[in-house]
Amino acid sequence: MLTPLISGINSIFSLFYIVILIRCFLSFVPNLDWNRQPFYTIRQVTDAYLDIFRRIIPPVGMLDVSPIVAIIALGLIQNVVIILLSTLLG
């Protein structure tokens, strides 16, 4: 059984997945003003995480594959955190 803490942390990870996916889909919208809300906030929150992977993985042609690797890494981090918390909290 998940404790409320583990469930809450799991929900935060899920929300971050969704925001990253929204950011990826919005990148295909031409003439989008990223300096207006809510796009500015979405960009600020996700780019802080995605930039880690963009520094390591160069774009393939015009395609940025770093969000794919970032989502996979986020899933691994989520699993490790949930397993550790489950072990610690019993």
PDB file of N, CA and C in Angstrom:
ATOM      1  N   MET A   1       0.845  -1.191   0.000  1.00  0.00           N
ATOM      2  CA  MET A   1       0.000   0.000   0.000  1.00  0.00           C
ATOM      3  C   MET A   1       0.886   1.250   0.000  1.00  0.00           C
ATOM      4  N   LEU A   2       0.547   2.195  -0.841  1.00  0.00           N
ATOM      5  CA  LEU A   2       1.318   3.433  -0.918  1.00  0.00           C
ATOM      6  C   LEU A   2       0.891   4.378   0.196  1.00  0.00           C
ATOM      7  N   THR A   3       1.873   4.924   0.848  1.00  0.00           N
ATOM      8  CA  THR A   3       1.565   5.933   1.847  1.00  0.00           C
ATOM      9  C   THR A   3       1.239   7.234   1.133  1.00  0.00           C
ATOM     10  N   PRO A   4       0.591   8.156   1.799  1.00  0.00           N
ATOM     11  CA  PRO A   4       0.288   9.448   1.153  1.00  0.00           C
ATOM     12  C   PRO A   4       1.534  10.178   0.657  1.00  0.00           C
ATOM     13  N   LEU A   5       2.655  10.048   1.346  1.00  0.00           N
ATOM     14  CA  LEU A   5       3.894  10.702   0.918  1.00  0.00           C
ATOM     15  C   LEU A   5       4.369  10.126  -0.412  1.00  0.00           C
ATOM     16  N   ILE A   6       4.402   8.812  -0.508  1.00  0.00           N
ATOM     17  CA  ILE A   6       4.842   8.165  -1.744  1.00  0.00           C
ATOM     18  C   ILE A   6       3.877   8.475  -2.878  1.00  0.00           C
ATOM     19  N   SER A   7       2.598   8.452  -2.579  1.00  0.00           N
ATOM     20  CA  SER A   7       1.590   8.769  -3.589  1.00  0.00           C
ATOM     21  C   SER A   7       1.736  10.212  -4.079  1.00  0.00           C
ATOM     22  N   GLY A   8       1.995  11.135  -3.163  1.00  0.00           N
ATOM     23  CA  GLY A   8       2.179  12.537  -3.528  1.00  0.00           C
ATOM     24  C   GLY A   8       3.409  12.746  -4.393  1.00  0.00           C
ATOM     25  N   ILE A   9       4.514  12.108  -4.028  1.00  0.00           N
ATOM     26  CA  ILE A   9       5.740  12.222  -4.811  1.00  0.00           C
ATOM     27  C   ILE A   9       5.547  11.611  -6.192  1.00  0.00           C
ATOM     28  N   ASN A  10       4.853  10.481  -6.242  1.00  0.00           N
ATOM     29  CA  ASN A  10       4.553   9.844  -7.523  1.00  0.00           C
ATOM     30  C   ASN A  10       3.706  10.766  -8.399  1.00  0.00           C
ATOM     31  N   SER A  11       2.771  11.489  -7.801  1.00  0.00           N
ATOM     32  CA  SER A  11       1.934  12.436  -8.539  1.00  0.00           C
ATOM     33  C   SER A  11       2.745  13.603  -9.078  1.00  0.00           C
ATOM     34  N   ILE A  12       3.720  14.065  -8.324  1.00  0.00           N
ATOM     35  CA  ILE A  12       4.584  15.154  -8.773  1.00  0.00           C
ATOM     36  C   ILE A  12       5.385  14.717 -10.001  1.00  0.00           C
ATOM     37  N   PHE A  13       5.923  13.504  -9.956  1.00  0.00           N
ATOM     38  CA  PHE A  13       6.635  12.983 -11.120  1.00  0.00           C
ATOM     39  C   PHE A  13       5.701  12.903 -12.322  1.00  0.00           C
ATOM     40  N   SER A  14       4.489  12.409 -12.123  1.00  0.00           N
ATOM     41  CA  SER A  14       3.521  12.296 -13.217  1.00  0.00           C
ATOM     42  C   SER A  14       3.178  13.660 -13.803  1.00  0.00           C
ATOM     43  N   LEU A  15       3.010  14.646 -12.948  1.00  0.00           N
ATOM     44  CA  LEU A  15       2.728  16.000 -13.417  1.00  0.00           C
ATOM     45  C   LEU A  15       3.886  16.547 -14.239  1.00  0.00           C
ATOM     46  N   PHE A  16       5.106  16.269 -13.809  1.00  0.00           N
ATOM     47  CA  PHE A  16       6.273  16.741 -14.548  1.00  0.00           C
ATOM     48  C   PHE A  16       6.364  16.067 -15.919  1.00  0.00           C
ATOM     49  N   TYR A  17       6.018  14.767 -15.990  1.00  0.00           N
ATOM     50  CA  TYR A  17       5.944  14.088 -17.285  1.00  0.00           C
ATOM     51  C   TYR A  17       5.006  14.840 -18.224  1.00  0.00           C
ATOM     52  N   ILE A  18       3.836  15.167 -17.717  1.00  0.00           N
ATOM     53  CA  ILE A  18       2.815  15.834 -18.532  1.00  0.00           C
ATOM     54  C   ILE A  18       3.311  17.195 -19.008  1.00  0.00           C
ATOM     55  N   VAL A  19       3.950  17.952 -18.121  1.00  0.00           N
ATOM     56  CA  VAL A  19       4.445  19.282 -18.494  1.00  0.00           C
ATOM     57  C   VAL A  19       5.543  19.161 -19.555  1.00  0.00           C
ATOM     58  N   ILE A  20       6.408  18.150 -19.441  1.00  0.00           N
ATOM     59  CA  ILE A  20       7.442  17.950 -20.460  1.00  0.00           C
ATOM     60  C   ILE A  20       6.800  17.608 -21.802  1.00  0.00           C
ATOM     61  N   LEU A  21       5.795  16.758 -21.787  1.00  0.00           N
ATOM     62  CA  LEU A  21       5.114  16.407 -23.041  1.00  0.00           C
ATOM     63  C   LEU A  21       4.419  17.617 -23.655  1.00  0.00           C
ATOM     64  N   ILE A  22       3.786  18.433 -22.829  1.00  0.00           N
ATOM     65  CA  ILE A  22       3.158  19.664 -23.331  1.00  0.00           C
ATOM     66  C   ILE A  22       4.218  20.564 -23.958  1.00  0.00           C
ATOM     67  N   ARG A  23       5.361  20.683 -23.315  1.00  0.00           N
ATOM     68  CA  ARG A  23       6.463  21.497 -23.845  1.00  0.00           C
ATOM     69  C   ARG A  23       6.921  20.980 -25.202  1.00  0.00           C
ATOM     70  N   CYS A  24       7.007  19.663 -25.331  1.00  0.00           N
ATOM     71  CA  CYS A  24       7.423  19.073 -26.612  1.00  0.00           C
ATOM     72  C   CYS A  24       6.402  19.355 -27.705  1.00  0.00           C
ATOM     73  N   PHE A  25       5.135  19.189 -27.404  1.00  0.00           N
ATOM     74  CA  PHE A  25       4.097  19.456 -28.407  1.00  0.00           C
ATOM     75  C   PHE A  25       4.038  20.934 -28.775  1.00  0.00           C
ATOM     76  N   LEU A  26       4.216  21.813 -27.796  1.00  0.00           N
ATOM     77  CA  LEU A  26       4.178  23.245 -28.079  1.00  0.00           C
ATOM     78  C   LEU A  26       5.359  23.696 -28.935  1.00  0.00           C
ATOM     79  N   SER A  27       6.454  22.948 -28.894  1.00  0.00           N
ATOM     80  CA  SER A  27       7.611  23.332 -29.704  1.00  0.00           C
ATOM     81  C   SER A  27       7.323  23.214 -31.201  1.00  0.00           C
ATOM     82  N   PHE A  28       6.274  22.483 -31.570  1.00  0.00           N
ATOM     83  CA  PHE A  28       5.904  22.352 -32.979  1.00  0.00           C
ATOM     84  C   PHE A  28       4.945  23.448 -33.442  1.00  0.00           C
ATOM     85  N   VAL A  29       4.487  24.297 -32.530  1.00  0.00           N
ATOM     86  CA  VAL A  29       3.561  25.370 -32.888  1.00  0.00           C
ATOM     87  C   VAL A  29       4.368  26.569 -33.380  1.00  0.00           C
ATOM     88  N   PRO A  30       4.162  26.946 -34.638  1.00  0.00           N
ATOM     89  CA  PRO A  30       4.933  28.088 -35.154  1.00  0.00           C
ATOM     90  C   PRO A  30       4.444  29.408 -34.544  1.00  0.00           C
ATOM     91  N   ASN A  31       5.324  30.335 -34.447  1.00  0.00           N
ATOM     92  CA  ASN A  31       5.023  31.692 -33.970  1.00  0.00           C
ATOM     93  C   ASN A  31       4.455  31.738 -32.558  1.00  0.00           C
ATOM     94  N   LEU A  32       4.808  30.779 -31.742  1.00  0.00           N
ATOM     95  CA  LEU A  32       4.349  30.780 -30.351  1.00  0.00           C
ATOM     96  C   LEU A  32       5.219  31.738 -29.553  1.00  0.00           C
ATOM     97  N   ASP A  33       4.594  32.649 -28.832  1.00  0.00           N
ATOM     98  CA  ASP A  33       5.332  33.617 -28.024  1.00  0.00           C
ATOM     99  C   ASP A  33       5.661  32.994 -26.679  1.00  0.00           C
ATOM    100  N   TRP A  34       6.890  32.511 -26.534  1.00  0.00           N
ATOM    101  CA  TRP A  34       7.309  31.831 -25.303  1.00  0.00           C
ATOM    102  C   TRP A  34       7.481  32.797 -24.129  1.00  0.00           C
ATOM    103  N   ASN A  35       7.376  34.082 -24.370  1.00  0.00           N
ATOM    104  CA  ASN A  35       7.515  35.055 -23.289  1.00  0.00           C
ATOM    105  C   ASN A  35       6.185  35.414 -22.640  1.00  0.00           C
ATOM    106  N   ARG A  36       5.101  34.827 -23.093  1.00  0.00           N
ATOM    107  CA  ARG A  36       3.782  35.066 -22.498  1.00  0.00           C
ATOM    108  C   ARG A  36       3.401  33.887 -21.623  1.00  0.00           C
ATOM    109  N   GLN A  37       2.565  34.164 -20.641  1.00  0.00           N
ATOM    110  CA  GLN A  37       2.085  33.101 -19.757  1.00  0.00           C
ATOM    111  C   GLN A  37       0.997  32.309 -20.455  1.00  0.00           C
ATOM    112  N   PRO A  38       0.834  31.065 -20.234  1.00  0.00           N
ATOM    113  CA  PRO A  38       1.567  30.152 -19.355  1.00  0.00           C
ATOM    114  C   PRO A  38       2.801  29.539 -20.008  1.00  0.00           C
ATOM    115  N   PHE A  39       3.065  29.906 -21.267  1.00  0.00           N
ATOM    116  CA  PHE A  39       4.171  29.292 -22.001  1.00  0.00           C
ATOM    117  C   PHE A  39       5.525  29.596 -21.355  1.00  0.00           C
ATOM    118  N   TYR A  40       5.677  30.794 -20.812  1.00  0.00           N
ATOM    119  CA  TYR A  40       6.934  31.168 -20.169  1.00  0.00           C
ATOM    120  C   TYR A  40       7.233  30.255 -18.988  1.00  0.00           C
ATOM    121  N   THR A  41       6.223  30.004 -18.160  1.00  0.00           N
ATOM    122  CA  THR A  41       6.399  29.146 -16.987  1.00  0.00           C
ATOM    123  C   THR A  41       6.702  27.717 -17.405  1.00  0.00           C
ATOM    124  N   ILE A  42       5.990  27.221 -18.406  1.00  0.00           N
ATOM    125  CA  ILE A  42       6.243  25.868 -18.898  1.00  0.00           C
ATOM    126  C   ILE A  42       7.678  25.743 -19.388  1.00  0.00           C
ATOM    127  N   ARG A  43       8.129  26.733 -20.142  1.00  0.00           N
ATOM    128  CA  ARG A  43       9.493  26.705 -20.659  1.00  0.00           C
ATOM    129  C   ARG A  43      10.513  26.763 -19.528  1.00  0.00           C
ATOM    130  N   GLN A  44      10.290  27.644 -18.559  1.00  0.00           N
ATOM    131  CA  GLN A  44      11.243  27.783 -17.454  1.00  0.00           C
ATOM    132  C   GLN A  44      11.362  26.491 -16.641  1.00  0.00           C
ATOM    133  N   VAL A  45      10.233  25.883 -16.338  1.00  0.00           N
ATOM    134  CA  VAL A  45      10.236  24.679 -15.506  1.00  0.00           C
ATOM    135  C   VAL A  45      10.878  23.502 -16.239  1.00  0.00           C
ATOM    136  N   THR A  46      10.536  23.314 -17.498  1.00  0.00           N
ATOM    137  CA  THR A  46      11.037  22.149 -18.221  1.00  0.00           C
ATOM    138  C   THR A  46      12.455  22.335 -18.746  1.00  0.00           C
ATOM    139  N   ASP A  47      12.801  23.515 -19.187  1.00  0.00           N
ATOM    140  CA  ASP A  47      14.132  23.719 -19.754  1.00  0.00           C
ATOM    141  C   ASP A  47      15.238  23.563 -18.724  1.00  0.00           C
ATOM    142  N   ALA A  48      14.950  23.854 -17.476  1.00  0.00           N
ATOM    143  CA  ALA A  48      15.954  23.649 -16.427  1.00  0.00           C
ATOM    144  C   ALA A  48      16.372  22.178 -16.382  1.00  0.00           C
ATOM    145  N   TYR A  49      15.434  21.286 -16.563  1.00  0.00           N
ATOM    146  CA  TYR A  49      15.715  19.844 -16.576  1.00  0.00           C
ATOM    147  C   TYR A  49      16.227  19.384 -17.948  1.00  0.00           C
ATOM    148  N   LEU A  50      15.573  19.831 -19.013  1.00  0.00           N
ATOM    149  CA  LEU A  50      15.936  19.374 -20.355  1.00  0.00           C
ATOM    150  C   LEU A  50      17.318  19.866 -20.788  1.00  0.00           C
ATOM    151  N   ASP A  51      17.746  21.012 -20.295  1.00  0.00           N
ATOM    152  CA  ASP A  51      19.061  21.546 -20.677  1.00  0.00           C
ATOM    153  C   ASP A  51      20.202  20.635 -20.240  1.00  0.00           C
ATOM    154  N   ILE A  52      19.999  19.876 -19.173  1.00  0.00           N
ATOM    155  CA  ILE A  52      21.013  18.908 -18.741  1.00  0.00           C
ATOM    156  C   ILE A  52      21.283  17.920 -19.878  1.00  0.00           C
ATOM    157  N   PHE A  53      20.226  17.458 -20.504  1.00  0.00           N
ATOM    158  CA  PHE A  53      20.349  16.464 -21.566  1.00  0.00           C
ATOM    159  C   PHE A  53      20.737  17.099 -22.904  1.00  0.00           C
ATOM    160  N   ARG A  54      20.343  18.334 -23.110  1.00  0.00           N
ATOM    161  CA  ARG A  54      20.713  19.028 -24.348  1.00  0.00           C
ATOM    162  C   ARG A  54      22.209  19.284 -24.421  1.00  0.00           C
ATOM    163  N   ARG A  55      22.858  19.449 -23.264  1.00  0.00           N
ATOM    164  CA  ARG A  55      24.304  19.641 -23.246  1.00  0.00           C
ATOM    165  C   ARG A  55      25.043  18.362 -23.623  1.00  0.00           C
ATOM    166  N   ILE A  56      24.417  17.209 -23.339  1.00  0.00           N
ATOM    167  CA  ILE A  56      25.056  15.920 -23.587  1.00  0.00           C
ATOM    168  C   ILE A  56      24.715  15.377 -24.974  1.00  0.00           C
ATOM    169  N   ILE A  57      23.438  15.536 -25.385  1.00  0.00           N
ATOM    170  CA  ILE A  57      22.948  14.921 -26.620  1.00  0.00           C
ATOM    171  C   ILE A  57      22.699  16.004 -27.663  1.00  0.00           C
ATOM    172  N   PRO A  58      23.468  15.995 -28.739  1.00  0.00           N
ATOM    173  CA  PRO A  58      23.236  16.997 -29.783  1.00  0.00           C
ATOM    174  C   PRO A  58      21.982  16.658 -30.598  1.00  0.00           C
ATOM    175  N   PRO A  59      21.375  17.660 -31.223  1.00  0.00           N
ATOM    176  CA  PRO A  59      20.208  17.383 -32.073  1.00  0.00           C
ATOM    177  C   PRO A  59      20.598  16.501 -33.265  1.00  0.00           C
ATOM    178  N   VAL A  60      19.653  15.683 -33.698  1.00  0.00           N
ATOM    179  CA  VAL A  60      19.843  14.837 -34.870  1.00  0.00           C
ATOM    180  C   VAL A  60      19.137  15.541 -36.021  1.00  0.00           C
ATOM    181  N   GLY A  61      19.895  16.220 -36.858  1.00  0.00           N
ATOM    182  CA  GLY A  61      19.291  17.050 -37.903  1.00  0.00           C
ATOM    183  C   GLY A  61      18.562  18.209 -37.244  1.00  0.00           C
ATOM    184  N   MET A  62      17.272  18.307 -37.513  1.00  0.00           N
ATOM    185  CA  MET A  62      16.454  19.346 -36.879  1.00  0.00           C
ATOM    186  C   MET A  62      15.641  18.800 -35.713  1.00  0.00           C
ATOM    187  N   LEU A  63      15.878  17.546 -35.338  1.00  0.00           N
ATOM    188  CA  LEU A  63      15.114  16.889 -34.285  1.00  0.00           C
ATOM    189  C   LEU A  63      15.909  16.847 -32.988  1.00  0.00           C
ATOM    190  N   ASP A  64      15.314  17.348 -31.925  1.00  0.00           N
ATOM    191  CA  ASP A  64      15.926  17.326 -30.601  1.00  0.00           C
ATOM    192  C   ASP A  64      15.433  16.073 -29.873  1.00  0.00           C
ATOM    193  N   VAL A  65      16.318  15.099 -29.696  1.00  0.00           N
ATOM    194  CA  VAL A  65      15.935  13.846 -29.045  1.00  0.00           C
ATOM    195  C   VAL A  65      16.185  13.871 -27.542  1.00  0.00           C
ATOM    196  N   SER A  66      16.698  14.957 -27.031  1.00  0.00           N
ATOM    197  CA  SER A  66      16.981  15.032 -25.598  1.00  0.00           C
ATOM    198  C   SER A  66      15.734  14.871 -24.723  1.00  0.00           C
ATOM    199  N   PRO A  67      14.537  15.348 -25.126  1.00  0.00           N
ATOM    200  CA  PRO A  67      13.368  15.102 -24.280  1.00  0.00           C
ATOM    201  C   PRO A  67      13.036  13.620 -24.116  1.00  0.00           C
ATOM    202  N   ILE A  68      13.320  12.811 -25.138  1.00  0.00           N
ATOM    203  CA  ILE A  68      13.063  11.372 -25.028  1.00  0.00           C
ATOM    204  C   ILE A  68      13.964  10.764 -23.962  1.00  0.00           C
ATOM    205  N   VAL A  69      15.237  11.101 -24.016  1.00  0.00           N
ATOM    206  CA  VAL A  69      16.187  10.605 -23.025  1.00  0.00           C
ATOM    207  C   VAL A  69      15.850  11.162 -21.642  1.00  0.00           C
ATOM    208  N   ALA A  70      15.418  12.421 -21.593  1.00  0.00           N
ATOM    209  CA  ALA A  70      15.058  13.038 -20.315  1.00  0.00           C
ATOM    210  C   ALA A  70      13.856  12.343 -19.684  1.00  0.00           C
ATOM    211  N   ILE A  71      12.878  11.947 -20.486  1.00  0.00           N
ATOM    212  CA  ILE A  71      11.698  11.258 -19.959  1.00  0.00           C
ATOM    213  C   ILE A  71      12.079   9.863 -19.466  1.00  0.00           C
ATOM    214  N   ILE A  72      12.954   9.176 -20.198  1.00  0.00           N
ATOM    215  CA  ILE A  72      13.424   7.864 -19.750  1.00  0.00           C
ATOM    216  C   ILE A  72      14.183   7.994 -18.429  1.00  0.00           C
ATOM    217  N   ALA A  73      15.055   8.994 -18.339  1.00  0.00           N
ATOM    218  CA  ALA A  73      15.808   9.226 -17.102  1.00  0.00           C
ATOM    219  C   ALA A  73      14.867   9.588 -15.955  1.00  0.00           C
ATOM    220  N   LEU A  74      13.844  10.381 -16.244  1.00  0.00           N
ATOM    221  CA  LEU A  74      12.879  10.746 -15.208  1.00  0.00           C
ATOM    222  C   LEU A  74      12.146   9.514 -14.687  1.00  0.00           C
ATOM    223  N   GLY A  75      11.825   8.586 -15.590  1.00  0.00           N
ATOM    224  CA  GLY A  75      11.188   7.340 -15.168  1.00  0.00           C
ATOM    225  C   GLY A  75      12.085   6.513 -14.266  1.00  0.00           C
ATOM    226  N   LEU A  76      13.371   6.458 -14.616  1.00  0.00           N
ATOM    227  CA  LEU A  76      14.324   5.725 -13.775  1.00  0.00           C
ATOM    228  C   LEU A  76      14.472   6.384 -12.414  1.00  0.00           C
ATOM    229  N   ILE A  77      14.568   7.698 -12.400  1.00  0.00           N
ATOM    230  CA  ILE A  77      14.679   8.432 -11.135  1.00  0.00           C
ATOM    231  C   ILE A  77      13.427   8.210 -10.285  1.00  0.00           C
ATOM    232  N   GLN A  78      12.270   8.257 -10.923  1.00  0.00           N
ATOM    233  CA  GLN A  78      11.008   8.037 -10.209  1.00  0.00           C
ATOM    234  C   GLN A  78      10.992   6.648  -9.573  1.00  0.00           C
ATOM    235  N   ASN A  79      11.388   5.626 -10.330  1.00  0.00           N
ATOM    236  CA  ASN A  79      11.398   4.272  -9.785  1.00  0.00           C
ATOM    237  C   ASN A  79      12.342   4.138  -8.602  1.00  0.00           C
ATOM    238  N   VAL A  80      13.532   4.720  -8.721  1.00  0.00           N
ATOM    239  CA  VAL A  80      14.508   4.642  -7.627  1.00  0.00           C
ATOM    240  C   VAL A  80      13.971   5.347  -6.380  1.00  0.00           C
ATOM    241  N   VAL A  81      13.417   6.531  -6.559  1.00  0.00           N
ATOM    242  CA  VAL A  81      12.891   7.295  -5.421  1.00  0.00           C
ATOM    243  C   VAL A  81      11.745   6.548  -4.748  1.00  0.00           C
ATOM    244  N   ILE A  82      10.822   6.017  -5.529  1.00  0.00           N
ATOM    245  CA  ILE A  82       9.672   5.312  -4.968  1.00  0.00           C
ATOM    246  C   ILE A  82      10.113   4.034  -4.262  1.00  0.00           C
ATOM    247  N   ILE A  83      11.046   3.293  -4.858  1.00  0.00           N
ATOM    248  CA  ILE A  83      11.539   2.070  -4.213  1.00  0.00           C
ATOM    249  C   ILE A  83      12.259   2.393  -2.910  1.00  0.00           C
ATOM    250  N   LEU A  84      13.093   3.431  -2.928  1.00  0.00           N
ATOM    251  CA  LEU A  84      13.802   3.815  -1.696  1.00  0.00           C
ATOM    252  C   LEU A  84      12.833   4.256  -0.609  1.00  0.00           C
ATOM    253  N   LEU A  85      11.854   5.067  -0.979  1.00  0.00           N
ATOM    254  CA  LEU A  85      10.872   5.520   0.019  1.00  0.00           C
ATOM    255  C   LEU A  85      10.026   4.363   0.527  1.00  0.00           C
ATOM    256  N   SER A  86       9.667   3.445  -0.343  1.00  0.00           N
ATOM    257  CA  SER A  86       8.888   2.278   0.085  1.00  0.00           C
ATOM    258  C   SER A  86       9.687   1.431   1.058  1.00  0.00           C
ATOM    259  N   THR A  87      10.982   1.294   0.774  1.00  0.00           N
ATOM    260  CA  THR A  87      11.845   0.507   1.657  1.00  0.00           C
ATOM    261  C   THR A  87      12.003   1.203   3.009  1.00  0.00           C
ATOM    262  N   LEU A  88      12.227   2.507   2.974  1.00  0.00           N
ATOM    263  CA  LEU A  88      12.435   3.249   4.217  1.00  0.00           C
ATOM    264  C   LEU A  88      11.164   3.340   5.067  1.00  0.00           C
ATOM    265  N   LEU A  89      10.033   3.498   4.405  1.00  0.00           N
ATOM    266  CA  LEU A  89       8.787   3.679   5.150  1.00  0.00           C
ATOM    267  C   LEU A  89       8.087   2.358   5.439  1.00  0.00           C
ATOM    268  N   GLY A  90       8.594   1.297   4.892  1.00  0.00           N
ATOM    269  CA  GLY A  90       8.051  -0.035   5.178  1.00  0.00           C
ATOM    270  C   GLY A  90       6.823  -0.293   4.436  1.00  0.00           C
TER     271      GLY A  90
END
